Amino acid sequence: MTTHSQPPQAPAPIPVAATAADARKLAEDLMDVMSALLGVIERETELVRAGKLREAMALESQKADLSRRYVSAVAQLKASQKYLSQSAPELLTTLHRHHDVFRAMLQINLTVLATAHAVSESIVRGVNAEIQRRNIPNTYTAAGQPAAPGPRHITPLAVSRSL
């Protein structure tokens, strides 16, 4: 059996802004995608804070699509950095300001998600500790010390990750 490998395709070249209209379009696209992504992230944050994890997870595909668009727009911005800094420095400054706000909002979302993760992990660990405590027999050694439980007394906790 022979396999024919195809040479890897080169990635498509990133469009570079060469005119003022291109620069404006690039800035508008980036600001639009940041605004849309922030809207989804803010909604996700609200849902997680309210404990509606199923609904928050439903936003995942939309968030992934917007994230891809964001990365693409940032790549275009980086490729156009030289032109923008020479011909539209005020536009670049405005984009940096908006991006700083965007990052701050992302940090809030990440903090909420990390807190929800820590709380849920703490609950699962607490449930596991209680189950283990109930499964371990209270026995003592000949010296009157509590006996360490053997591996047959430790029951693993199974958790379904699907909601």
N, C-alpha and C. Protein backbone atom coordinates (compact mmCIF):
# COMPACT_ATOMS: atom_id res chain seq x y z
N MET A 1 0.84 -1.18 0.00
CA MET A 1 0.00 0.00 0.00
C MET A 1 0.89 1.24 0.00
N THR A 2 0.68 2.11 -0.92
CA THR A 2 1.44 3.34 -0.98
C THR A 2 0.53 4.50 -0.69
N THR A 3 1.07 5.45 -0.02
CA THR A 3 0.29 6.65 0.26
C THR A 3 0.94 7.82 -0.47
N HIS A 4 0.14 8.62 -1.03
CA HIS A 4 0.62 9.81 -1.72
C HIS A 4 0.39 10.99 -0.82
N SER A 5 1.46 11.61 -0.43
CA SER A 5 1.30 12.78 0.43
C SER A 5 1.34 14.02 -0.44
N GLN A 6 0.46 14.89 -0.12
CA GLN A 6 0.39 16.15 -0.86
C GLN A 6 1.21 17.17 -0.11
N PRO A 7 1.90 18.04 -0.82
CA PRO A 7 2.67 19.07 -0.13
C PRO A 7 1.73 19.99 0.65
N PRO A 8 2.15 20.42 1.83
CA PRO A 8 1.28 21.30 2.60
C PRO A 8 1.06 22.62 1.86
N GLN A 9 -0.16 23.09 1.94
CA GLN A 9 -0.49 24.34 1.27
C GLN A 9 -0.02 25.51 2.12
N ALA A 10 0.51 26.51 1.45
CA ALA A 10 0.95 27.70 2.15
C ALA A 10 -0.28 28.48 2.60
N PRO A 11 -0.21 29.09 3.78
CA PRO A 11 -1.37 29.87 4.22
C PRO A 11 -1.60 31.06 3.29
N ALA A 12 -2.84 31.43 3.20
CA ALA A 12 -3.19 32.56 2.34
C ALA A 12 -2.51 33.82 2.87
N PRO A 13 -2.03 34.67 1.98
CA PRO A 13 -1.38 35.90 2.45
C PRO A 13 -2.38 36.80 3.18
N ILE A 14 -1.88 37.44 4.20
CA ILE A 14 -2.73 38.32 5.01
C ILE A 14 -2.86 39.66 4.28
N PRO A 15 -4.10 40.12 4.02
CA PRO A 15 -4.27 41.41 3.34
C PRO A 15 -3.68 42.56 4.18
N VAL A 16 -3.00 43.44 3.51
CA VAL A 16 -2.37 44.57 4.18
C VAL A 16 -3.08 45.85 3.74
N ALA A 17 -3.33 46.73 4.70
CA ALA A 17 -3.95 48.02 4.38
C ALA A 17 -2.95 48.87 3.60
N ALA A 18 -3.40 49.39 2.46
CA ALA A 18 -2.52 50.22 1.62
C ALA A 18 -3.12 51.59 1.34
N THR A 19 -4.39 51.77 1.72
CA THR A 19 -5.05 53.06 1.51
C THR A 19 -5.77 53.45 2.79
N ALA A 20 -6.21 54.69 2.84
CA ALA A 20 -6.95 55.16 4.01
C ALA A 20 -8.26 54.39 4.16
N ALA A 21 -8.88 54.05 3.03
CA ALA A 21 -10.13 53.28 3.07
C ALA A 21 -9.88 51.88 3.62
N ASP A 22 -8.76 51.26 3.22
CA ASP A 22 -8.40 49.95 3.76
C ASP A 22 -8.20 50.02 5.27
N ALA A 23 -7.51 51.05 5.71
CA ALA A 23 -7.23 51.22 7.14
C ALA A 23 -8.53 51.40 7.92
N ARG A 24 -9.43 52.21 7.39
CA ARG A 24 -10.72 52.42 8.04
C ARG A 24 -11.52 51.13 8.11
N LYS A 25 -11.52 50.38 7.01
CA LYS A 25 -12.25 49.11 6.96
C LYS A 25 -11.66 48.12 7.96
N LEU A 26 -10.34 48.07 8.04
CA LEU A 26 -9.67 47.19 8.99
C LEU A 26 -10.05 47.56 10.42
N ALA A 27 -10.02 48.84 10.73
CA ALA A 27 -10.37 49.30 12.08
C ALA A 27 -11.84 48.99 12.40
N GLU A 28 -12.73 49.23 11.43
CA GLU A 28 -14.15 48.94 11.66
C GLU A 28 -14.38 47.45 11.88
N ASP A 29 -13.72 46.62 11.07
CA ASP A 29 -13.87 45.17 11.23
C ASP A 29 -13.39 44.72 12.60
N LEU A 30 -12.23 45.22 13.03
CA LEU A 30 -11.69 44.85 14.33
C LEU A 30 -12.61 45.31 15.46
N MET A 31 -13.10 46.53 15.38
CA MET A 31 -13.98 47.04 16.44
C MET A 31 -15.30 46.29 16.45
N ASP A 32 -15.82 45.94 15.27
CA ASP A 32 -17.07 45.18 15.21
C ASP A 32 -16.92 43.81 15.85
N VAL A 33 -15.83 43.12 15.50
CA VAL A 33 -15.64 41.78 16.06
C VAL A 33 -15.37 41.85 17.56
N MET A 34 -14.64 42.88 18.02
CA MET A 34 -14.41 43.02 19.47
C MET A 34 -15.72 43.29 20.19
N SER A 35 -16.57 44.13 19.61
CA SER A 35 -17.86 44.42 20.23
C SER A 35 -18.75 43.19 20.29
N ALA A 36 -18.80 42.44 19.19
CA ALA A 36 -19.62 41.23 19.16
C ALA A 36 -19.09 40.19 20.15
N LEU A 37 -17.78 40.03 20.20
CA LEU A 37 -17.18 39.07 21.13
C LEU A 37 -17.42 39.49 22.57
N LEU A 38 -17.31 40.77 22.83
CA LEU A 38 -17.59 41.26 24.19
C LEU A 38 -19.04 41.01 24.58
N GLY A 39 -19.96 41.19 23.63
CA GLY A 39 -21.36 40.93 23.93
C GLY A 39 -21.59 39.48 24.33
N VAL A 40 -20.97 38.55 23.59
CA VAL A 40 -21.11 37.13 23.90
C VAL A 40 -20.45 36.82 25.25
N ILE A 41 -19.28 37.40 25.48
CA ILE A 41 -18.56 37.13 26.74
C ILE A 41 -19.31 37.70 27.93
N GLU A 42 -19.88 38.89 27.78
CA GLU A 42 -20.66 39.47 28.88
C GLU A 42 -21.88 38.60 29.18
N ARG A 43 -22.53 38.10 28.14
CA ARG A 43 -23.68 37.21 28.32
C ARG A 43 -23.25 35.93 29.04
N GLU A 44 -22.12 35.37 28.61
CA GLU A 44 -21.59 34.16 29.24
C GLU A 44 -21.29 34.42 30.73
N THR A 45 -20.69 35.57 31.02
CA THR A 45 -20.38 35.92 32.41
C THR A 45 -21.65 36.00 33.24
N GLU A 46 -22.68 36.65 32.71
CA GLU A 46 -23.96 36.75 33.43
C GLU A 46 -24.54 35.36 33.71
N LEU A 47 -24.50 34.49 32.70
CA LEU A 47 -25.07 33.15 32.85
C LEU A 47 -24.29 32.32 33.87
N VAL A 48 -22.97 32.41 33.83
CA VAL A 48 -22.17 31.66 34.80
C VAL A 48 -22.41 32.18 36.20
N ARG A 49 -22.47 33.49 36.37
CA ARG A 49 -22.75 34.06 37.69
C ARG A 49 -24.11 33.61 38.22
N ALA A 50 -25.07 33.42 37.31
CA ALA A 50 -26.41 32.98 37.70
C ALA A 50 -26.50 31.47 37.85
N GLY A 51 -25.39 30.77 37.57
CA GLY A 51 -25.39 29.31 37.70
C GLY A 51 -26.04 28.59 36.53
N LYS A 52 -26.26 29.28 35.43
CA LYS A 52 -26.89 28.68 34.25
C LYS A 52 -25.80 28.21 33.28
N LEU A 53 -25.09 27.16 33.69
CA LEU A 53 -23.93 26.69 32.94
C LEU A 53 -24.30 26.10 31.59
N ARG A 54 -25.42 25.42 31.52
CA ARG A 54 -25.85 24.84 30.25
C ARG A 54 -26.05 25.92 29.20
N GLU A 55 -26.70 26.99 29.59
CA GLU A 55 -26.94 28.09 28.65
C GLU A 55 -25.62 28.77 28.28
N ALA A 56 -24.72 28.90 29.25
CA ALA A 56 -23.42 29.51 28.97
C ALA A 56 -22.62 28.65 27.99
N MET A 57 -22.71 27.34 28.13
CA MET A 57 -21.99 26.44 27.22
C MET A 57 -22.54 26.51 25.81
N ALA A 58 -23.80 26.87 25.67
CA ALA A 58 -24.41 26.98 24.34
C ALA A 58 -23.79 28.13 23.53
N LEU A 59 -23.14 29.06 24.20
CA LEU A 59 -22.52 30.19 23.51
C LEU A 59 -21.15 29.84 22.95
N GLU A 60 -20.66 28.63 23.23
CA GLU A 60 -19.30 28.25 22.86
C GLU A 60 -19.01 28.36 21.37
N SER A 61 -19.90 27.87 20.52
CA SER A 61 -19.63 27.90 19.08
C SER A 61 -19.60 29.35 18.55
N GLN A 62 -20.49 30.16 19.06
CA GLN A 62 -20.52 31.57 18.65
C GLN A 62 -19.23 32.26 19.11
N LYS A 63 -18.81 31.97 20.33
CA LYS A 63 -17.59 32.56 20.87
C LYS A 63 -16.37 32.10 20.08
N ALA A 64 -16.33 30.83 19.70
CA ALA A 64 -15.20 30.31 18.92
C ALA A 64 -15.13 30.97 17.55
N ASP A 65 -16.28 31.15 16.90
CA ASP A 65 -16.30 31.79 15.58
C ASP A 65 -15.81 33.24 15.68
N LEU A 66 -16.31 33.96 16.67
CA LEU A 66 -15.89 35.35 16.85
C LEU A 66 -14.41 35.43 17.23
N SER A 67 -13.93 34.48 17.98
CA SER A 67 -12.51 34.46 18.35
C SER A 67 -11.64 34.27 17.12
N ARG A 68 -12.05 33.39 16.22
CA ARG A 68 -11.30 33.20 14.97
C ARG A 68 -11.28 34.49 14.15
N ARG A 69 -12.43 35.15 14.07
CA ARG A 69 -12.49 36.41 13.34
C ARG A 69 -11.61 37.48 13.99
N TYR A 70 -11.57 37.48 15.32
CA TYR A 70 -10.74 38.43 16.06
C TYR A 70 -9.26 38.20 15.76
N VAL A 71 -8.83 36.94 15.82
CA VAL A 71 -7.43 36.62 15.54
C VAL A 71 -7.07 37.02 14.12
N SER A 72 -7.96 36.79 13.18
CA SER A 72 -7.71 37.17 11.79
C SER A 72 -7.58 38.70 11.66
N ALA A 73 -8.46 39.43 12.32
CA ALA A 73 -8.42 40.89 12.25
C ALA A 73 -7.14 41.43 12.90
N VAL A 74 -6.72 40.83 14.01
CA VAL A 74 -5.48 41.27 14.67
C VAL A 74 -4.29 40.97 13.77
N ALA A 75 -4.30 39.84 13.07
CA ALA A 75 -3.21 39.51 12.15
C ALA A 75 -3.13 40.54 11.03
N GLN A 76 -4.29 40.95 10.52
CA GLN A 76 -4.32 42.00 9.49
C GLN A 76 -3.78 43.30 10.04
N LEU A 77 -4.14 43.62 11.27
CA LEU A 77 -3.67 44.86 11.89
C LEU A 77 -2.15 44.81 12.04
N LYS A 78 -1.62 43.69 12.48
CA LYS A 78 -0.17 43.57 12.63
C LYS A 78 0.53 43.69 11.28
N ALA A 79 -0.05 43.09 10.26
CA ALA A 79 0.54 43.17 8.92
C ALA A 79 0.50 44.60 8.37
N SER A 80 -0.46 45.37 8.82
CA SER A 80 -0.64 46.75 8.35
C SER A 80 -0.05 47.77 9.31
N GLN A 81 0.65 47.33 10.32
CA GLN A 81 1.17 48.21 11.38
C GLN A 81 1.99 49.37 10.81
N LYS A 82 2.87 49.07 9.89
CA LYS A 82 3.75 50.11 9.35
C LYS A 82 2.94 51.20 8.65
N TYR A 83 2.01 50.79 7.79
CA TYR A 83 1.19 51.77 7.08
C TYR A 83 0.35 52.59 8.05
N LEU A 84 -0.26 51.92 9.01
CA LEU A 84 -1.13 52.62 9.96
C LEU A 84 -0.35 53.61 10.82
N SER A 85 0.83 53.22 11.27
CA SER A 85 1.61 54.13 12.12
C SER A 85 2.09 55.35 11.35
N GLN A 86 2.27 55.21 10.04
CA GLN A 86 2.72 56.35 9.23
C GLN A 86 1.57 57.23 8.78
N SER A 87 0.46 56.61 8.36
CA SER A 87 -0.60 57.40 7.74
C SER A 87 -1.81 57.64 8.64
N ALA A 88 -2.01 56.81 9.66
CA ALA A 88 -3.20 56.97 10.51
C ALA A 88 -2.87 56.67 11.97
N PRO A 89 -1.93 57.44 12.56
CA PRO A 89 -1.55 57.15 13.96
C PRO A 89 -2.71 57.34 14.95
N GLU A 90 -3.61 58.27 14.65
CA GLU A 90 -4.75 58.49 15.55
C GLU A 90 -5.70 57.30 15.54
N LEU A 91 -5.84 56.67 14.39
CA LEU A 91 -6.66 55.46 14.29
C LEU A 91 -6.03 54.33 15.09
N LEU A 92 -4.74 54.21 15.00
CA LEU A 92 -4.02 53.18 15.76
C LEU A 92 -4.15 53.42 17.27
N THR A 93 -4.07 54.65 17.68
CA THR A 93 -4.24 55.00 19.10
C THR A 93 -5.65 54.64 19.58
N THR A 94 -6.65 54.95 18.77
CA THR A 94 -8.03 54.61 19.12
C THR A 94 -8.20 53.10 19.24
N LEU A 95 -7.62 52.36 18.31
CA LEU A 95 -7.70 50.90 18.36
C LEU A 95 -7.03 50.35 19.62
N HIS A 96 -5.91 50.92 19.99
CA HIS A 96 -5.22 50.48 21.22
C HIS A 96 -6.09 50.74 22.45
N ARG A 97 -6.75 51.88 22.49
CA ARG A 97 -7.63 52.20 23.62
C ARG A 97 -8.78 51.20 23.71
N HIS A 98 -9.41 50.93 22.56
CA HIS A 98 -10.52 49.97 22.55
C HIS A 98 -10.04 48.58 22.93
N HIS A 99 -8.85 48.24 22.49
CA HIS A 99 -8.31 46.93 22.81
C HIS A 99 -8.02 46.80 24.31
N ASP A 100 -7.58 47.88 24.94
CA ASP A 100 -7.34 47.85 26.39
C ASP A 100 -8.63 47.59 27.16
N VAL A 101 -9.72 48.22 26.72
CA VAL A 101 -11.03 47.99 27.34
C VAL A 101 -11.45 46.54 27.11
N PHE A 102 -11.23 46.06 25.90
CA PHE A 102 -11.55 44.68 25.54
C PHE A 102 -10.82 43.71 26.46
N ARG A 103 -9.53 43.91 26.65
CA ARG A 103 -8.74 43.03 27.53
C ARG A 103 -9.24 43.07 28.97
N ALA A 104 -9.61 44.25 29.44
CA ALA A 104 -10.12 44.36 30.82
C ALA A 104 -11.41 43.56 30.98
N MET A 105 -12.29 43.62 29.99
CA MET A 105 -13.54 42.87 30.05
C MET A 105 -13.27 41.37 29.97
N LEU A 106 -12.30 40.97 29.16
CA LEU A 106 -11.92 39.56 29.10
C LEU A 106 -11.40 39.07 30.44
N GLN A 107 -10.65 39.92 31.12
CA GLN A 107 -10.10 39.53 32.42
C GLN A 107 -11.22 39.30 33.43
N ILE A 108 -12.26 40.10 33.38
CA ILE A 108 -13.41 39.90 34.28
C ILE A 108 -14.05 38.56 33.99
N ASN A 109 -14.25 38.25 32.71
CA ASN A 109 -14.84 36.97 32.32
C ASN A 109 -13.98 35.81 32.79
N LEU A 110 -12.68 35.90 32.59
CA LEU A 110 -11.78 34.82 33.01
C LEU A 110 -11.81 34.65 34.53
N THR A 111 -11.93 35.74 35.26
CA THR A 111 -12.02 35.66 36.72
C THR A 111 -13.29 34.95 37.16
N VAL A 112 -14.41 35.28 36.53
CA VAL A 112 -15.68 34.63 36.85
C VAL A 112 -15.61 33.13 36.53
N LEU A 113 -15.04 32.79 35.38
CA LEU A 113 -14.93 31.38 35.01
C LEU A 113 -14.01 30.62 35.95
N ALA A 114 -12.90 31.25 36.35
CA ALA A 114 -11.97 30.60 37.27
C ALA A 114 -12.62 30.41 38.64
N THR A 115 -13.40 31.38 39.08
CA THR A 115 -14.09 31.26 40.37
C THR A 115 -15.12 30.13 40.31
N ALA A 116 -15.89 30.06 39.22
CA ALA A 116 -16.88 29.00 39.09
C ALA A 116 -16.19 27.63 39.07
N HIS A 117 -15.06 27.54 38.41
CA HIS A 117 -14.31 26.29 38.36
C HIS A 117 -13.82 25.91 39.76
N ALA A 118 -13.27 26.86 40.48
CA ALA A 118 -12.74 26.58 41.82
C ALA A 118 -13.86 26.16 42.77
N VAL A 119 -15.00 26.83 42.69
CA VAL A 119 -16.13 26.48 43.56
C VAL A 119 -16.63 25.08 43.23
N SER A 120 -16.79 24.78 41.96
CA SER A 120 -17.29 23.44 41.60
C SER A 120 -16.29 22.36 41.98
N GLU A 121 -15.01 22.64 41.82
CA GLU A 121 -13.99 21.66 42.23
C GLU A 121 -14.01 21.45 43.73
N SER A 122 -14.19 22.52 44.47
CA SER A 122 -14.27 22.41 45.93
C SER A 122 -15.47 21.57 46.36
N ILE A 123 -16.59 21.76 45.69
CA ILE A 123 -17.79 20.97 46.01
C ILE A 123 -17.55 19.50 45.73
N VAL A 124 -16.97 19.20 44.58
CA VAL A 124 -16.71 17.80 44.23
C VAL A 124 -15.73 17.18 45.21
N ARG A 125 -14.69 17.91 45.57
CA ARG A 125 -13.73 17.38 46.55
C ARG A 125 -14.39 17.16 47.91
N GLY A 126 -15.27 18.06 48.31
CA GLY A 126 -15.98 17.89 49.57
C GLY A 126 -16.89 16.68 49.56
N VAL A 127 -17.60 16.48 48.48
CA VAL A 127 -18.47 15.29 48.34
C VAL A 127 -17.62 14.03 48.38
N ASN A 128 -16.50 14.04 47.67
CA ASN A 128 -15.62 12.87 47.66
C ASN A 128 -15.08 12.58 49.07
N ALA A 129 -14.66 13.61 49.79
CA ALA A 129 -14.14 13.41 51.14
C ALA A 129 -15.22 12.82 52.05
N GLU A 130 -16.45 13.27 51.91
CA GLU A 130 -17.54 12.75 52.73
C GLU A 130 -17.83 11.29 52.39
N ILE A 131 -17.83 10.96 51.11
CA ILE A 131 -18.05 9.57 50.69
C ILE A 131 -16.95 8.68 51.24
N GLN A 132 -15.71 9.14 51.11
CA GLN A 132 -14.59 8.34 51.61
C GLN A 132 -14.68 8.16 53.12
N ARG A 133 -15.04 9.20 53.84
CA ARG A 133 -15.16 9.13 55.30
C ARG A 133 -16.19 8.09 55.70
N ARG A 134 -17.30 8.03 54.95
CA ARG A 134 -18.35 7.06 55.28
C ARG A 134 -17.97 5.63 54.91
N ASN A 135 -17.13 5.47 53.89
CA ASN A 135 -16.75 4.13 53.44
C ASN A 135 -15.63 3.50 54.26
N ILE A 136 -14.87 4.29 54.97
CA ILE A 136 -13.73 3.77 55.72
C ILE A 136 -14.20 3.30 57.10
N PRO A 137 -13.93 2.04 57.42
CA PRO A 137 -14.34 1.54 58.74
C PRO A 137 -13.48 2.15 59.84
N ASN A 138 -14.08 2.34 60.99
CA ASN A 138 -13.35 2.85 62.15
C ASN A 138 -12.73 1.67 62.88
N THR A 139 -11.47 1.44 62.63
CA THR A 139 -10.76 0.35 63.30
C THR A 139 -9.51 0.90 63.95
N TYR A 140 -8.98 0.12 64.89
CA TYR A 140 -7.81 0.55 65.64
C TYR A 140 -6.76 -0.55 65.62
N THR A 141 -5.51 -0.14 65.73
CA THR A 141 -4.42 -1.09 65.79
C THR A 141 -4.31 -1.66 67.20
N ALA A 142 -3.42 -2.62 67.38
CA ALA A 142 -3.20 -3.20 68.71
C ALA A 142 -2.72 -2.16 69.70
N ALA A 143 -2.07 -1.10 69.21
CA ALA A 143 -1.57 -0.04 70.09
C ALA A 143 -2.64 0.99 70.40
N GLY A 144 -3.86 0.80 69.88
CA GLY A 144 -4.95 1.74 70.16
C GLY A 144 -4.99 2.95 69.24
N GLN A 145 -4.21 2.93 68.18
CA GLN A 145 -4.19 4.04 67.22
C GLN A 145 -5.17 3.75 66.09
N PRO A 146 -5.78 4.78 65.51
CA PRO A 146 -6.66 4.54 64.35
C PRO A 146 -5.87 3.87 63.23
N ALA A 147 -6.44 2.86 62.63
CA ALA A 147 -5.78 2.14 61.55
C ALA A 147 -5.95 2.89 60.24
N ALA A 148 -4.90 2.88 59.43
CA ALA A 148 -4.97 3.50 58.11
C ALA A 148 -5.81 2.60 57.21
N PRO A 149 -6.70 3.18 56.43
CA PRO A 149 -7.55 2.35 55.57
C PRO A 149 -6.73 1.73 54.44
N GLY A 150 -7.12 0.55 54.05
CA GLY A 150 -6.47 -0.12 52.92
C GLY A 150 -7.09 0.35 51.63
N PRO A 151 -6.44 0.03 50.52
CA PRO A 151 -6.95 0.48 49.22
C PRO A 151 -8.33 -0.06 48.89
N ARG A 152 -8.70 -1.20 49.45
CA ARG A 152 -10.02 -1.76 49.15
C ARG A 152 -11.16 -0.95 49.77
N HIS A 153 -10.81 -0.10 50.75
CA HIS A 153 -11.84 0.73 51.40
C HIS A 153 -12.03 2.09 50.74
N ILE A 154 -11.12 2.44 49.85
CA ILE A 154 -11.21 3.75 49.18
C ILE A 154 -11.97 3.55 47.87
N THR A 155 -13.13 4.17 47.79
CA THR A 155 -13.99 4.05 46.62
C THR A 155 -13.83 5.29 45.75
N PRO A 156 -13.52 5.12 44.48
CA PRO A 156 -13.37 6.30 43.62
C PRO A 156 -14.72 6.97 43.37
N LEU A 157 -14.66 8.26 43.16
CA LEU A 157 -15.85 9.04 42.85
C LEU A 157 -15.91 9.21 41.34
N ALA A 158 -17.01 8.85 40.74
CA ALA A 158 -17.18 9.02 39.30
C ALA A 158 -18.04 10.26 39.06
N VAL A 159 -17.55 11.12 38.17
CA VAL A 159 -18.27 12.35 37.87
C VAL A 159 -18.50 12.41 36.37
N SER A 160 -19.74 12.67 35.98
CA SER A 160 -20.06 12.86 34.57
C SER A 160 -19.81 14.32 34.21
N ARG A 161 -19.00 14.55 33.20
CA ARG A 161 -18.69 15.92 32.82
C ARG A 161 -19.72 16.53 31.89
N SER A 162 -20.62 15.73 31.38
CA SER A 162 -21.67 16.28 30.51
C SER A 162 -22.78 16.82 31.38
N LEU A 163 -23.26 17.98 31.01
CA LEU A 163 -24.29 18.61 31.83
C LEU A 163 -25.66 18.22 31.35
